[in-house]
């Protein structure tokens, strides 16, 4: 697994910075691939009153097995194009999650989360 091969993922100390494209009002929450240099997420909530941002943070927290408070939107609060910071406690914390994500993208599998 090499993070540099994933255009939507960067490291910053022990943290990750994830670039995502969010499609709101989808039929289910899922990762549906890579769009440009962003991970494309389909989320069920509408982009109203911060609902899509809240669900985006929850979805990413579940994906990387961290608390929702460990995921912050660092840019794109009102845009479909967002950058999220996932706070890590130690180096190598996210290796398993990144490997699973990379494998599912390579196989073309849509990763669904509730």
PDB file of N, CA and C in Angstrom:
ATOM      1  N   UNK A   1       0.842  -1.178   0.000  1.00  0.00           N
ATOM      2  CA  UNK A   1       0.000   0.000   0.000  1.00  0.00           C
ATOM      3  C   UNK A   1       0.881   1.233   0.000  1.00  0.00           C
ATOM      4  N   UNK A   2       0.635   2.118  -0.939  1.00  0.00           N
ATOM      5  CA  UNK A   2       1.402   3.335  -1.043  1.00  0.00           C
ATOM      6  C   UNK A   2       0.430   4.503  -1.152  1.00  0.00           C
ATOM      7  N   UNK A   3       0.409   5.331  -0.120  1.00  0.00           N
ATOM      8  CA  UNK A   3      -0.529   6.459  -0.092  1.00  0.00           C
ATOM      9  C   UNK A   3      -0.327   7.373  -1.286  1.00  0.00           C
ATOM     10  N   UNK A   4       0.905   7.508  -1.754  1.00  0.00           N
ATOM     11  CA  UNK A   4       1.177   8.405  -2.879  1.00  0.00           C
ATOM     12  C   UNK A   4       0.453   7.967  -4.154  1.00  0.00           C
ATOM     13  N   UNK A   5       0.022   6.716  -4.231  1.00  0.00           N
ATOM     14  CA  UNK A   5      -0.716   6.223  -5.391  1.00  0.00           C
ATOM     15  C   UNK A   5      -2.195   6.558  -5.317  1.00  0.00           C
ATOM     16  N   UNK A   6      -2.657   7.030  -4.164  1.00  0.00           N
ATOM     17  CA  UNK A   6      -4.059   7.407  -3.987  1.00  0.00           C
ATOM     18  C   UNK A   6      -4.147   8.925  -4.066  1.00  0.00           C
ATOM     19  N   UNK A   7      -4.633   9.472  -5.183  1.00  0.00           N
ATOM     20  CA  UNK A   7      -4.586  10.925  -5.384  1.00  0.00           C
ATOM     21  C   UNK A   7      -5.443  11.715  -4.392  1.00  0.00           C
ATOM     22  N   UNK A   8      -6.396  11.082  -3.766  1.00  0.00           N
ATOM     23  CA  UNK A   8      -7.309  11.762  -2.854  1.00  0.00           C
ATOM     24  C   UNK A   8      -6.838  11.745  -1.406  1.00  0.00           C
ATOM     25  N   UNK A   9      -5.689  11.161  -1.127  1.00  0.00           N
ATOM     26  CA  UNK A   9      -5.240  10.964   0.244  1.00  0.00           C
ATOM     27  C   UNK A   9      -3.811  11.465   0.432  1.00  0.00           C
ATOM     28  N   UNK A  10      -3.636  12.302   1.443  1.00  0.00           N
ATOM     29  CA  UNK A  10      -2.310  12.822   1.789  1.00  0.00           C
ATOM     30  C   UNK A  10      -2.096  12.627   3.288  1.00  0.00           C
ATOM     31  N   UNK A  11      -0.845  12.570   3.695  1.00  0.00           N
ATOM     32  CA  UNK A  11      -0.546  12.486   5.125  1.00  0.00           C
ATOM     33  C   UNK A  11      -0.032  13.828   5.611  1.00  0.00           C
ATOM     34  N   UNK A  12      -0.314  14.120   6.864  1.00  0.00           N
ATOM     35  CA  UNK A  12       0.137  15.330   7.523  1.00  0.00           C
ATOM     36  C   UNK A  12       0.442  14.944   8.962  1.00  0.00           C
ATOM     37  N   UNK A  13       1.735  14.723   9.258  1.00  0.00           N
ATOM     38  CA  UNK A  13       2.153  14.172  10.556  1.00  0.00           C
ATOM     39  C   UNK A  13       1.470  12.820  10.739  1.00  0.00           C
ATOM     40  N   UNK A  14       0.688  12.620  11.792  1.00  0.00           N
ATOM     41  CA  UNK A  14      -0.028  11.356  12.002  1.00  0.00           C
ATOM     42  C   UNK A  14      -1.439  11.399  11.432  1.00  0.00           C
ATOM     43  N   UNK A  15      -1.822  12.530  10.842  1.00  0.00           N
ATOM     44  CA  UNK A  15      -3.179  12.730  10.333  1.00  0.00           C
ATOM     45  C   UNK A  15      -3.244  12.427   8.841  1.00  0.00           C
ATOM     46  N   UNK A  16      -4.468  12.242   8.362  1.00  0.00           N
ATOM     47  CA  UNK A  16      -4.724  12.084   6.933  1.00  0.00           C
ATOM     48  C   UNK A  16      -5.533  13.280   6.456  1.00  0.00           C
ATOM     49  N   UNK A  17      -5.316  13.690   5.223  1.00  0.00           N
ATOM     50  CA  UNK A  17      -6.150  14.694   4.576  1.00  0.00           C
ATOM     51  C   UNK A  17      -6.789  14.003   3.382  1.00  0.00           C
ATOM     52  N   UNK A  18      -8.107  13.974   3.388  1.00  0.00           N
ATOM     53  CA  UNK A  18      -8.883  13.251   2.389  1.00  0.00           C
ATOM     54  C   UNK A  18      -9.659  14.252   1.538  1.00  0.00           C
ATOM     55  N   UNK A  19      -9.501  14.179   0.220  1.00  0.00           N
ATOM     56  CA  UNK A  19     -10.260  15.021  -0.709  1.00  0.00           C
ATOM     57  C   UNK A  19     -11.437  14.201  -1.217  1.00  0.00           C
ATOM     58  N   UNK A  20     -12.643  14.749  -1.062  1.00  0.00           N
ATOM     59  CA  UNK A  20     -13.840  14.017  -1.464  1.00  0.00           C
ATOM     60  C   UNK A  20     -14.739  14.883  -2.337  1.00  0.00           C
ATOM     61  N   UNK A  21     -15.502  14.216  -3.166  1.00  0.00           N
ATOM     62  CA  UNK A  21     -16.590  14.825  -3.911  1.00  0.00           C
ATOM     63  C   UNK A  21     -17.860  14.179  -3.380  1.00  0.00           C
ATOM     64  N   UNK A  22     -18.769  14.993  -2.860  1.00  0.00           N
ATOM     65  CA  UNK A  22     -19.979  14.477  -2.229  1.00  0.00           C
ATOM     66  C   UNK A  22     -21.182  14.667  -3.149  1.00  0.00           C
ATOM     67  N   UNK A  23     -21.897  13.574  -3.371  1.00  0.00           N
ATOM     68  CA  UNK A  23     -23.161  13.630  -4.101  1.00  0.00           C
ATOM     69  C   UNK A  23     -24.277  13.440  -3.073  1.00  0.00           C
ATOM     70  N   UNK A  24     -24.993  14.510  -2.718  1.00  0.00           N
ATOM     71  CA  UNK A  24     -26.071  14.388  -1.727  1.00  0.00           C
ATOM     72  C   UNK A  24     -27.338  13.789  -2.341  1.00  0.00           C
ATOM     73  N   UNK A  25     -28.273  13.467  -1.474  1.00  0.00           N
ATOM     74  CA  UNK A  25     -29.585  12.929  -1.858  1.00  0.00           C
ATOM     75  C   UNK A  25     -29.491  11.633  -2.657  1.00  0.00           C
ATOM     76  N   UNK A  26     -28.536  10.786  -2.321  1.00  0.00           N
ATOM     77  CA  UNK A  26     -28.399   9.491  -2.989  1.00  0.00           C
ATOM     78  C   UNK A  26     -29.342   8.487  -2.337  1.00  0.00           C
ATOM     79  N   UNK A  27     -29.521   7.348  -2.956  1.00  0.00           N
ATOM     80  CA  UNK A  27     -30.413   6.324  -2.403  1.00  0.00           C
ATOM     81  C   UNK A  27     -29.778   5.586  -1.231  1.00  0.00           C
ATOM     82  N   UNK A  28     -28.422   5.570  -1.174  1.00  0.00           N
ATOM     83  CA  UNK A  28     -27.734   4.944  -0.047  1.00  0.00           C
ATOM     84  C   UNK A  28     -26.361   5.576   0.120  1.00  0.00           C
ATOM     85  N   UNK A  29     -25.795   5.435   1.306  1.00  0.00           N
ATOM     86  CA  UNK A  29     -24.459   5.958   1.586  1.00  0.00           C
ATOM     87  C   UNK A  29     -23.433   4.972   1.052  1.00  0.00           C
ATOM     88  N   UNK A  30     -22.527   5.456   0.193  1.00  0.00           N
ATOM     89  CA  UNK A  30     -21.527   4.560  -0.359  1.00  0.00           C
ATOM     90  C   UNK A  30     -20.370   5.335  -0.986  1.00  0.00           C
ATOM     91  N   UNK A  31     -19.248   4.638  -1.073  1.00  0.00           N
ATOM     92  CA  UNK A  31     -18.122   5.106  -1.865  1.00  0.00           C
ATOM     93  C   UNK A  31     -18.353   4.553  -3.258  1.00  0.00           C
ATOM     94  N   UNK A  32     -18.264   5.412  -4.251  1.00  0.00           N
ATOM     95  CA  UNK A  32     -18.537   4.880  -5.591  1.00  0.00           C
ATOM     96  C   UNK A  32     -17.373   5.054  -6.549  1.00  0.00           C
ATOM     97  N   UNK A  33     -16.199   5.377  -6.031  1.00  0.00           N
ATOM     98  CA  UNK A  33     -15.031   5.417  -6.892  1.00  0.00           C
ATOM     99  C   UNK A  33     -14.224   6.688  -6.724  1.00  0.00           C
ATOM    100  N   UNK A  34     -13.387   6.926  -7.712  1.00  0.00           N
ATOM    101  CA  UNK A  34     -12.526   8.100  -7.715  1.00  0.00           C
ATOM    102  C   UNK A  34     -12.967   8.982  -8.877  1.00  0.00           C
ATOM    103  N   UNK A  35     -13.126  10.260  -8.592  1.00  0.00           N
ATOM    104  CA  UNK A  35     -13.503  11.220  -9.618  1.00  0.00           C
ATOM    105  C   UNK A  35     -12.417  12.298  -9.646  1.00  0.00           C
ATOM    106  N   UNK A  36     -11.639  12.316 -10.691  1.00  0.00           N
ATOM    107  CA  UNK A  36     -10.492  13.217 -10.745  1.00  0.00           C
ATOM    108  C   UNK A  36      -9.498  12.813  -9.666  1.00  0.00           C
ATOM    109  N   UNK A  37      -9.211  13.727  -8.772  1.00  0.00           N
ATOM    110  CA  UNK A  37      -8.314  13.427  -7.652  1.00  0.00           C
ATOM    111  C   UNK A  37      -9.071  13.424  -6.331  1.00  0.00           C
ATOM    112  N   UNK A  38     -10.349  13.049  -6.398  1.00  0.00           N
ATOM    113  CA  UNK A  38     -11.190  13.007  -5.205  1.00  0.00           C
ATOM    114  C   UNK A  38     -11.876  11.643  -5.087  1.00  0.00           C
ATOM    115  N   UNK A  39     -12.114  11.245  -3.853  1.00  0.00           N
ATOM    116  CA  UNK A  39     -12.898  10.048  -3.580  1.00  0.00           C
ATOM    117  C   UNK A  39     -14.361  10.460  -3.665  1.00  0.00           C
ATOM    118  N   UNK A  40     -15.142   9.789  -4.501  1.00  0.00           N
ATOM    119  CA  UNK A  40     -16.545  10.164  -4.670  1.00  0.00           C
ATOM    120  C   UNK A  40     -17.411   9.416  -3.667  1.00  0.00           C
ATOM    121  N   UNK A  41     -18.180  10.184  -2.893  1.00  0.00           N
ATOM    122  CA  UNK A  41     -19.093   9.627  -1.907  1.00  0.00           C
ATOM    123  C   UNK A  41     -20.520   9.972  -2.295  1.00  0.00           C
ATOM    124  N   UNK A  42     -21.398   9.008  -2.196  1.00  0.00           N
ATOM    125  CA  UNK A  42     -22.836   9.250  -2.331  1.00  0.00           C
ATOM    126  C   UNK A  42     -23.417   9.186  -0.928  1.00  0.00           C
ATOM    127  N   UNK A  43     -24.146  10.228  -0.558  1.00  0.00           N
ATOM    128  CA  UNK A  43     -24.726  10.296   0.781  1.00  0.00           C
ATOM    129  C   UNK A  43     -26.215  10.579   0.692  1.00  0.00           C
ATOM    130  N   UNK A  44     -26.978  10.006   1.602  1.00  0.00           N
ATOM    131  CA  UNK A  44     -28.429  10.100   1.546  1.00  0.00           C
ATOM    132  C   UNK A  44     -28.991  11.444   1.986  1.00  0.00           C
ATOM    133  N   UNK A  45     -28.288  12.182   2.790  1.00  0.00           N
ATOM    134  CA  UNK A  45     -28.843  13.426   3.327  1.00  0.00           C
ATOM    135  C   UNK A  45     -28.815  14.548   2.292  1.00  0.00           C
ATOM    136  N   UNK A  46     -29.756  15.502   2.421  1.00  0.00           N
ATOM    137  CA  UNK A  46     -29.758  16.652   1.517  1.00  0.00           C
ATOM    138  C   UNK A  46     -28.724  17.684   1.984  1.00  0.00           C
ATOM    139  N   UNK A  47     -28.298  18.551   1.085  1.00  0.00           N
ATOM    140  CA  UNK A  47     -27.321  19.579   1.458  1.00  0.00           C
ATOM    141  C   UNK A  47     -28.000  20.788   2.111  1.00  0.00           C
ATOM    142  N   UNK A  48     -28.728  20.531   3.175  1.00  0.00           N
ATOM    143  CA  UNK A  48     -29.496  21.583   3.849  1.00  0.00           C
ATOM    144  C   UNK A  48     -29.114  21.620   5.324  1.00  0.00           C
ATOM    145  N   UNK A  49     -28.897  22.809   5.839  1.00  0.00           N
ATOM    146  CA  UNK A  49     -28.605  23.019   7.265  1.00  0.00           C
ATOM    147  C   UNK A  49     -27.457  22.147   7.777  1.00  0.00           C
ATOM    148  N   UNK A  50     -26.469  21.888   6.949  1.00  0.00           N
ATOM    149  CA  UNK A  50     -25.300  21.132   7.379  1.00  0.00           C
ATOM    150  C   UNK A  50     -25.518  19.630   7.497  1.00  0.00           C
ATOM    151  N   UNK A  51     -26.661  19.126   7.057  1.00  0.00           N
ATOM    152  CA  UNK A  51     -26.958  17.697   7.190  1.00  0.00           C
ATOM    153  C   UNK A  51     -25.979  16.833   6.392  1.00  0.00           C
ATOM    154  N   UNK A  52     -25.649  17.255   5.175  1.00  0.00           N
ATOM    155  CA  UNK A  52     -24.720  16.471   4.353  1.00  0.00           C
ATOM    156  C   UNK A  52     -23.312  16.498   4.958  1.00  0.00           C
ATOM    157  N   UNK A  53     -22.907  17.640   5.512  1.00  0.00           N
ATOM    158  CA  UNK A  53     -21.594  17.723   6.159  1.00  0.00           C
ATOM    159  C   UNK A  53     -21.526  16.815   7.375  1.00  0.00           C
ATOM    160  N   UNK A  54     -22.583  16.807   8.149  1.00  0.00           N
ATOM    161  CA  UNK A  54     -22.631  15.952   9.348  1.00  0.00           C
ATOM    162  C   UNK A  54     -22.536  14.479   8.953  1.00  0.00           C
ATOM    163  N   UNK A  55     -23.309  14.083   7.948  1.00  0.00           N
ATOM    164  CA  UNK A  55     -23.277  12.699   7.489  1.00  0.00           C
ATOM    165  C   UNK A  55     -21.925  12.359   6.858  1.00  0.00           C
ATOM    166  N   UNK A  56     -21.343  13.302   6.138  1.00  0.00           N
ATOM    167  CA  UNK A  56     -20.025  13.087   5.527  1.00  0.00           C
ATOM    168  C   UNK A  56     -18.998  12.789   6.619  1.00  0.00           C
ATOM    169  N   UNK A  57     -18.983  13.574   7.680  1.00  0.00           N
ATOM    170  CA  UNK A  57     -18.049  13.352   8.784  1.00  0.00           C
ATOM    171  C   UNK A  57     -18.294  11.992   9.436  1.00  0.00           C
ATOM    172  N   UNK A  58     -19.548  11.647   9.660  1.00  0.00           N
ATOM    173  CA  UNK A  58     -19.884  10.356  10.270  1.00  0.00           C
ATOM    174  C   UNK A  58     -19.467   9.190   9.380  1.00  0.00           C
ATOM    175  N   UNK A  59     -19.734   9.318   8.086  1.00  0.00           N
ATOM    176  CA  UNK A  59     -19.409   8.270   7.129  1.00  0.00           C
ATOM    177  C   UNK A  59     -17.901   8.036   7.086  1.00  0.00           C
ATOM    178  N   UNK A  60     -17.120   9.112   7.002  1.00  0.00           N
ATOM    179  CA  UNK A  60     -15.669   9.005   6.948  1.00  0.00           C
ATOM    180  C   UNK A  60     -15.117   8.478   8.274  1.00  0.00           C
ATOM    181  N   UNK A  61     -15.702   8.912   9.390  1.00  0.00           N
ATOM    182  CA  UNK A  61     -15.268   8.407  10.704  1.00  0.00           C
ATOM    183  C   UNK A  61     -15.480   6.903  10.785  1.00  0.00           C
ATOM    184  N   UNK A  62     -16.608   6.428  10.306  1.00  0.00           N
ATOM    185  CA  UNK A  62     -16.889   4.990  10.295  1.00  0.00           C
ATOM    186  C   UNK A  62     -15.920   4.258   9.366  1.00  0.00           C
ATOM    187  N   UNK A  63     -15.645   4.834   8.224  1.00  0.00           N
ATOM    188  CA  UNK A  63     -14.746   4.238   7.242  1.00  0.00           C
ATOM    189  C   UNK A  63     -13.331   4.062   7.801  1.00  0.00           C
ATOM    190  N   UNK A  64     -12.862   5.044   8.571  1.00  0.00           N
ATOM    191  CA  UNK A  64     -11.502   4.993   9.111  1.00  0.00           C
ATOM    192  C   UNK A  64     -11.465   4.562  10.576  1.00  0.00           C
ATOM    193  N   UNK A  65     -12.601   4.142  11.105  1.00  0.00           N
ATOM    194  CA  UNK A  65     -12.688   3.600  12.457  1.00  0.00           C
ATOM    195  C   UNK A  65     -12.173   4.585  13.511  1.00  0.00           C
ATOM    196  N   UNK A  66     -12.662   5.823  13.431  1.00  0.00           N
ATOM    197  CA  UNK A  66     -12.337   6.853  14.413  1.00  0.00           C
ATOM    198  C   UNK A  66     -13.648   7.499  14.875  1.00  0.00           C
ATOM    199  N   UNK A  67     -13.575   8.298  15.924  1.00  0.00           N
ATOM    200  CA  UNK A  67     -14.757   9.018  16.383  1.00  0.00           C
ATOM    201  C   UNK A  67     -15.076  10.146  15.412  1.00  0.00           C
ATOM    202  N   UNK A  68     -16.314  10.573  15.403  1.00  0.00           N
ATOM    203  CA  UNK A  68     -16.719  11.658  14.508  1.00  0.00           C
ATOM    204  C   UNK A  68     -15.963  12.939  14.834  1.00  0.00           C
ATOM    205  N   UNK A  69     -15.616  13.127  16.107  1.00  0.00           N
ATOM    206  CA  UNK A  69     -14.873  14.326  16.489  1.00  0.00           C
ATOM    207  C   UNK A  69     -13.448  14.318  15.954  1.00  0.00           C
ATOM    208  N   UNK A  70     -12.968  13.183  15.466  1.00  0.00           N
ATOM    209  CA  UNK A  70     -11.630  13.081  14.876  1.00  0.00           C
ATOM    210  C   UNK A  70     -11.617  13.443  13.396  1.00  0.00           C
ATOM    211  N   UNK A  71     -12.790  13.759  12.841  1.00  0.00           N
ATOM    212  CA  UNK A  71     -12.889  14.134  11.427  1.00  0.00           C
ATOM    213  C   UNK A  71     -13.398  15.567  11.350  1.00  0.00           C
ATOM    214  N   UNK A  72     -12.616  16.419  10.703  1.00  0.00           N
ATOM    215  CA  UNK A  72     -13.038  17.805  10.553  1.00  0.00           C
ATOM    216  C   UNK A  72     -12.961  18.218   9.091  1.00  0.00           C
ATOM    217  N   UNK A  73     -13.900  19.041   8.678  1.00  0.00           N
ATOM    218  CA  UNK A  73     -13.900  19.572   7.321  1.00  0.00           C
ATOM    219  C   UNK A  73     -12.993  20.800   7.336  1.00  0.00           C
ATOM    220  N   UNK A  74     -11.901  20.736   6.582  1.00  0.00           N
ATOM    221  CA  UNK A  74     -10.958  21.848   6.579  1.00  0.00           C
ATOM    222  C   UNK A  74     -11.193  22.805   5.408  1.00  0.00           C
ATOM    223  N   UNK A  75     -11.912  22.351   4.395  1.00  0.00           N
ATOM    224  CA  UNK A  75     -12.341  23.250   3.322  1.00  0.00           C
ATOM    225  C   UNK A  75     -13.533  22.638   2.604  1.00  0.00           C
ATOM    226  N   UNK A  76     -14.387  23.513   2.059  1.00  0.00           N
ATOM    227  CA  UNK A  76     -15.531  23.045   1.285  1.00  0.00           C
ATOM    228  C   UNK A  76     -16.815  22.876   2.070  1.00  0.00           C
ATOM    229  N   UNK A  77     -16.978  23.611   3.152  1.00  0.00           N
ATOM    230  CA  UNK A  77     -18.213  23.505   3.965  1.00  0.00           C
ATOM    231  C   UNK A  77     -19.477  23.624   3.113  1.00  0.00           C
ATOM    232  N   UNK A  78     -19.477  24.527   2.127  1.00  0.00           N
ATOM    233  CA  UNK A  78     -20.675  24.755   1.317  1.00  0.00           C
ATOM    234  C   UNK A  78     -20.531  24.228  -0.108  1.00  0.00           C
ATOM    235  N   UNK A  79     -19.542  23.391  -0.339  1.00  0.00           N
ATOM    236  CA  UNK A  79     -19.272  22.860  -1.670  1.00  0.00           C
ATOM    237  C   UNK A  79     -19.395  21.338  -1.680  1.00  0.00           C
ATOM    238  N   UNK A  80     -19.549  20.785  -2.863  1.00  0.00           N
ATOM    239  CA  UNK A  80     -19.508  19.323  -2.990  1.00  0.00           C
ATOM    240  C   UNK A  80     -18.070  18.815  -2.924  1.00  0.00           C
ATOM    241  N   UNK A  81     -17.122  19.693  -3.191  1.00  0.00           N
ATOM    242  CA  UNK A  81     -15.698  19.364  -3.124  1.00  0.00           C
ATOM    243  C   UNK A  81     -15.199  19.719  -1.729  1.00  0.00           C
ATOM    244  N   UNK A  82     -14.783  18.715  -0.968  1.00  0.00           N
ATOM    245  CA  UNK A  82     -14.385  18.928   0.423  1.00  0.00           C
ATOM    246  C   UNK A  82     -13.017  18.318   0.700  1.00  0.00           C
ATOM    247  N   UNK A  83     -12.346  18.900   1.670  1.00  0.00           N
ATOM    248  CA  UNK A  83     -11.120  18.316   2.205  1.00  0.00           C
ATOM    249  C   UNK A  83     -11.362  18.079   3.681  1.00  0.00           C
ATOM    250  N   UNK A  84     -11.095  16.846   4.110  1.00  0.00           N
ATOM    251  CA  UNK A  84     -11.315  16.473   5.500  1.00  0.00           C
ATOM    252  C   UNK A  84      -9.995  16.066   6.137  1.00  0.00           C
ATOM    253  N   UNK A  85      -9.835  16.433   7.375  1.00  0.00           N
ATOM    254  CA  UNK A  85      -8.663  16.018   8.152  1.00  0.00           C
ATOM    255  C   UNK A  85      -9.123  14.939   9.119  1.00  0.00           C
ATOM    256  N   UNK A  86      -8.436  13.809   9.084  1.00  0.00           N
ATOM    257  CA  UNK A  86      -8.739  12.692   9.979  1.00  0.00           C
ATOM    258  C   UNK A  86      -7.590  12.621  10.969  1.00  0.00           C
ATOM    259  N   UNK A  87      -7.892  12.916  12.216  1.00  0.00           N
ATOM    260  CA  UNK A  87      -6.862  13.016  13.244  1.00  0.00           C
ATOM    261  C   UNK A  87      -6.444  11.627  13.709  1.00  0.00           C
ATOM    262  N   UNK A  88      -5.139  11.386  13.637  1.00  0.00           N
ATOM    263  CA  UNK A  88      -4.582  10.112  14.078  1.00  0.00           C
ATOM    264  C   UNK A  88      -3.775  10.281  15.346  1.00  0.00           C
ATOM    265  N   UNK A  89      -3.666   9.219  16.101  1.00  0.00           N
ATOM    266  CA  UNK A  89      -2.912   9.272  17.355  1.00  0.00           C
ATOM    267  C   UNK A  89      -1.476   8.822  17.196  1.00  0.00           C
ATOM    268  N   UNK A  90      -1.222   7.968  16.221  1.00  0.00           N
ATOM    269  CA  UNK A  90       0.134   7.466  16.043  1.00  0.00           C
ATOM    270  C   UNK A  90       0.373   7.126  14.579  1.00  0.00           C
ATOM    271  N   UNK A  91       1.616   7.097  14.199  1.00  0.00           N
ATOM    272  CA  UNK A  91       2.007   6.771  12.836  1.00  0.00           C
ATOM    273  C   UNK A  91       1.539   5.358  12.489  1.00  0.00           C
ATOM    274  N   UNK A  92       0.981   5.194  11.323  1.00  0.00           N
ATOM    275  CA  UNK A  92       0.549   3.870  10.875  1.00  0.00           C
ATOM    276  C   UNK A  92      -0.825   3.459  11.359  1.00  0.00           C
ATOM    277  N   UNK A  93      -1.548   4.368  12.019  1.00  0.00           N
ATOM    278  CA  UNK A  93      -2.862   4.022  12.573  1.00  0.00           C
ATOM    279  C   UNK A  93      -3.853   3.594  11.492  1.00  0.00           C
ATOM    280  N   UNK A  94      -3.751   4.147  10.298  1.00  0.00           N
ATOM    281  CA  UNK A  94      -4.779   3.936   9.286  1.00  0.00           C
ATOM    282  C   UNK A  94      -4.391   2.934   8.201  1.00  0.00           C
ATOM    283  N   UNK A  95      -3.322   2.202   8.402  1.00  0.00           N
ATOM    284  CA  UNK A  95      -2.834   1.295   7.358  1.00  0.00           C
ATOM    285  C   UNK A  95      -3.898   0.277   6.944  1.00  0.00           C
ATOM    286  N   UNK A  96      -4.554  -0.347   7.901  1.00  0.00           N
ATOM    287  CA  UNK A  96      -5.572  -1.372   7.585  1.00  0.00           C
ATOM    288  C   UNK A  96      -6.732  -0.766   6.801  1.00  0.00           C
ATOM    289  N   UNK A  97      -7.213   0.410   7.229  1.00  0.00           N
ATOM    290  CA  UNK A  97      -8.355   1.036   6.566  1.00  0.00           C
ATOM    291  C   UNK A  97      -8.001   1.491   5.154  1.00  0.00           C
ATOM    292  N   UNK A  98      -6.795   2.045   4.985  1.00  0.00           N
ATOM    293  CA  UNK A  98      -6.366   2.500   3.656  1.00  0.00           C
ATOM    294  C   UNK A  98      -6.197   1.306   2.719  1.00  0.00           C
ATOM    295  N   UNK A  99      -5.640   0.219   3.219  1.00  0.00           N
ATOM    296  CA  UNK A  99      -5.474  -0.987   2.397  1.00  0.00           C
ATOM    297  C   UNK A  99      -6.817  -1.535   1.952  1.00  0.00           C
ATOM    298  N   UNK A 100      -7.783  -1.570   2.858  1.00  0.00           N
ATOM    299  CA  UNK A 100      -9.119  -2.069   2.518  1.00  0.00           C
ATOM    300  C   UNK A 100      -9.791  -1.154   1.499  1.00  0.00           C
ATOM    301  N   UNK A 101      -9.634   0.149   1.667  1.00  0.00           N
ATOM    302  CA  UNK A 101     -10.204   1.103   0.727  1.00  0.00           C
ATOM    303  C   UNK A 101      -9.570   0.945  -0.651  1.00  0.00           C
ATOM    304  N   UNK A 102      -8.264   0.849  -0.681  1.00  0.00           N
ATOM    305  CA  UNK A 102      -7.543   0.686  -1.951  1.00  0.00           C
ATOM    306  C   UNK A 102      -7.959  -0.606  -2.648  1.00  0.00           C
ATOM    307  N   UNK A 103      -8.087  -1.676  -1.890  1.00  0.00           N
ATOM    308  CA  UNK A 103      -8.485  -2.963  -2.471  1.00  0.00           C
ATOM    309  C   UNK A 103      -9.885  -2.894  -3.063  1.00  0.00           C
ATOM    310  N   UNK A 104     -10.818  -2.274  -2.342  1.00  0.00           N
ATOM    311  CA  UNK A 104     -12.189  -2.188  -2.846  1.00  0.00           C
ATOM    312  C   UNK A 104     -12.249  -1.310  -4.098  1.00  0.00           C
ATOM    313  N   UNK A 105     -11.447  -0.252  -4.153  1.00  0.00           N
ATOM    314  CA  UNK A 105     -11.425   0.592  -5.352  1.00  0.00           C
ATOM    315  C   UNK A 105     -10.816  -0.155  -6.529  1.00  0.00           C
ATOM    316  N   UNK A 106      -9.769  -0.934  -6.287  1.00  0.00           N
ATOM    317  CA  UNK A 106      -9.135  -1.711  -7.352  1.00  0.00           C
ATOM    318  C   UNK A 106     -10.073  -2.766  -7.915  1.00  0.00           C
ATOM    319  N   UNK A 107     -10.938  -3.306  -7.071  1.00  0.00           N
ATOM    320  CA  UNK A 107     -11.881  -4.335  -7.505  1.00  0.00           C
ATOM    321  C   UNK A 107     -13.172  -3.736  -8.048  1.00  0.00           C
ATOM    322  N   UNK A 108     -13.321  -2.423  -7.916  1.00  0.00           N
ATOM    323  CA  UNK A 108     -14.527  -1.774  -8.406  1.00  0.00           C
ATOM    324  C   UNK A 108     -15.732  -1.999  -7.525  1.00  0.00           C
ATOM    325  N   UNK A 109     -15.498  -2.354  -6.272  1.00  0.00           N
ATOM    326  CA  UNK A 109     -16.599  -2.626  -5.342  1.00  0.00           C
ATOM    327  C   UNK A 109     -17.070  -1.315  -4.721  1.00  0.00           C
ATOM    328  N   UNK A 110     -18.371  -1.156  -4.628  1.00  0.00           N
ATOM    329  CA  UNK A 110     -18.937  -0.001  -3.945  1.00  0.00           C
ATOM    330  C   UNK A 110     -18.981  -0.317  -2.450  1.00  0.00           C
ATOM    331  N   UNK A 111     -18.311   0.490  -1.661  1.00  0.00           N
ATOM    332  CA  UNK A 111     -18.295   0.285  -0.224  1.00  0.00           C
ATOM    333  C   UNK A 111     -19.470   1.012   0.391  1.00  0.00           C
ATOM    334  N   UNK A 112     -20.386   0.262   0.967  1.00  0.00           N
ATOM    335  CA  UNK A 112     -21.567   0.852   1.586  1.00  0.00           C
ATOM    336  C   UNK A 112     -21.405   0.923   3.076  1.00  0.00           C
ATOM    337  N   UNK A 113     -21.901   1.987   3.653  1.00  0.00           N
ATOM    338  CA  UNK A 113     -21.909   2.163   5.108  1.00  0.00           C
ATOM    339  C   UNK A 113     -23.257   2.724   5.487  1.00  0.00           C
ATOM    340  N   UNK A 114     -23.733   2.347   6.649  1.00  0.00           N
ATOM    341  CA  UNK A 114     -25.004   2.870   7.130  1.00  0.00           C
ATOM    342  C   UNK A 114     -24.807   4.123   7.899  1.00  0.00           C
TER     343      UNK A 114
END
